Amino acid sequence: MRLNQKPIPSDQLRLVAHREEFHDDREPPLLIGNRVRLNSGGPEMLVVDTSENEIVAAWNALGKNHEHAFPRLCVHRVRN
């Protein structure tokens, strides 16, 4: 699955949430096995690898498995 890589003009962007609504500095770092979701929405994903600035997440959509690296700031932990 390719992500949209076309540039979006800044006048077409609108803020849907502030970073603080998704991240709490008191929360432990994301680890392999944590469930996450993009801050912009989308399917629930499973963290399968981590590095200092990004996570690799896997998810299933329409019967196909997908995997992609995301900057840590683009995802938030999903709670039960």
Protein backbone atom coordinates (compact mmCIF):
# COMPACT_ATOMS: atom_id res chain seq x y z
CA MET A 1 0.00 0.00 0.00
CA ARG A 2 1.52 3.30 -1.06
CA LEU A 3 0.82 6.37 0.98
CA ASN A 4 -0.23 9.55 -0.78
CA GLN A 5 2.99 11.37 -1.55
CA LYS A 6 1.57 14.32 -3.48
CA PRO A 7 2.27 17.68 -1.84
CA ILE A 8 -0.70 19.34 -0.22
CA PRO A 9 -0.88 23.14 -0.37
CA SER A 10 -0.71 24.63 3.13
CA ASP A 11 -3.90 26.64 2.58
CA GLN A 12 -5.80 23.33 2.25
CA LEU A 13 -4.59 21.96 5.60
CA ARG A 14 -6.54 22.35 8.80
CA LEU A 15 -5.64 21.39 12.35
CA VAL A 16 -7.79 18.54 13.63
CA ALA A 17 -6.08 18.02 17.00
CA HIS A 18 -3.16 19.28 19.00
CA ARG A 19 -0.18 17.00 19.70
CA GLU A 20 -0.91 17.13 23.43
CA GLU A 21 -4.22 15.34 22.85
CA PHE A 22 -2.34 12.22 21.72
CA HIS A 23 0.95 12.30 23.64
CA ASP A 24 1.68 12.43 27.33
CA ASP A 25 5.34 12.74 28.32
CA ARG A 26 4.61 10.59 31.39
CA GLU A 27 3.59 7.66 29.19
CA PRO A 28 6.16 4.90 28.61
CA PRO A 29 7.70 4.65 25.13
CA LEU A 30 6.06 2.53 22.47
CA LEU A 31 7.31 -1.06 22.36
CA ILE A 32 6.94 -4.02 20.04
CA GLY A 33 3.46 -5.46 20.51
CA ASN A 34 1.76 -2.16 21.40
CA ARG A 35 -1.35 -1.24 19.43
CA VAL A 36 -1.28 2.18 17.75
CA ARG A 37 -3.28 4.34 15.37
CA LEU A 38 -2.23 7.27 13.21
CA ASN A 39 -3.10 10.60 14.81
CA SER A 40 -5.05 11.36 11.63
CA GLY A 41 -7.10 8.16 12.00
CA GLY A 42 -7.03 4.88 10.14
CA PRO A 43 -6.87 1.24 11.17
CA GLU A 44 -5.50 -0.07 14.42
CA MET A 45 -1.93 -1.28 13.86
CA LEU A 46 0.59 -3.42 15.74
CA VAL A 47 4.11 -2.14 16.46
CA VAL A 48 6.53 -4.70 14.99
CA ASP A 49 9.81 -2.73 15.26
CA THR A 50 11.06 0.46 16.83
CA SER A 51 13.98 2.85 16.55
CA GLU A 52 14.73 6.16 18.23
CA ASN A 53 12.53 8.30 15.96
CA GLU A 54 10.16 5.90 14.23
CA ILE A 55 8.10 2.77 14.61
CA VAL A 56 7.27 0.07 12.09
CA ALA A 57 3.61 -0.89 12.24
CA ALA A 58 1.73 -3.75 10.62
CA TRP A 59 -1.98 -4.01 9.85
CA ASN A 60 -4.39 -6.02 7.73
CA ALA A 61 -6.68 -4.36 5.22
CA LEU A 62 -8.93 -6.11 2.73
CA GLY A 63 -7.24 -9.44 3.45
CA LYS A 64 -3.72 -8.14 2.78
CA ASN A 65 -0.99 -7.57 5.35
CA HIS A 66 0.76 -4.21 5.26
CA GLU A 67 3.81 -2.83 7.03
CA HIS A 68 5.17 0.72 7.07
CA ALA A 69 7.58 2.89 9.08
CA PHE A 70 6.04 6.00 10.67
CA PRO A 71 7.60 8.83 12.68
CA ARG A 72 6.79 8.26 16.37
CA LEU A 73 5.00 11.62 16.56
CA CYS A 74 2.49 10.48 13.92
CA VAL A 75 1.00 7.66 16.03
CA HIS A 76 -0.61 7.24 19.42
CA ARG A 77 -1.17 4.21 21.64
CA VAL A 78 -4.61 2.57 21.43
CA ARG A 79 -6.17 1.76 24.78
CA ASN A 80 -8.68 -1.01 25.53
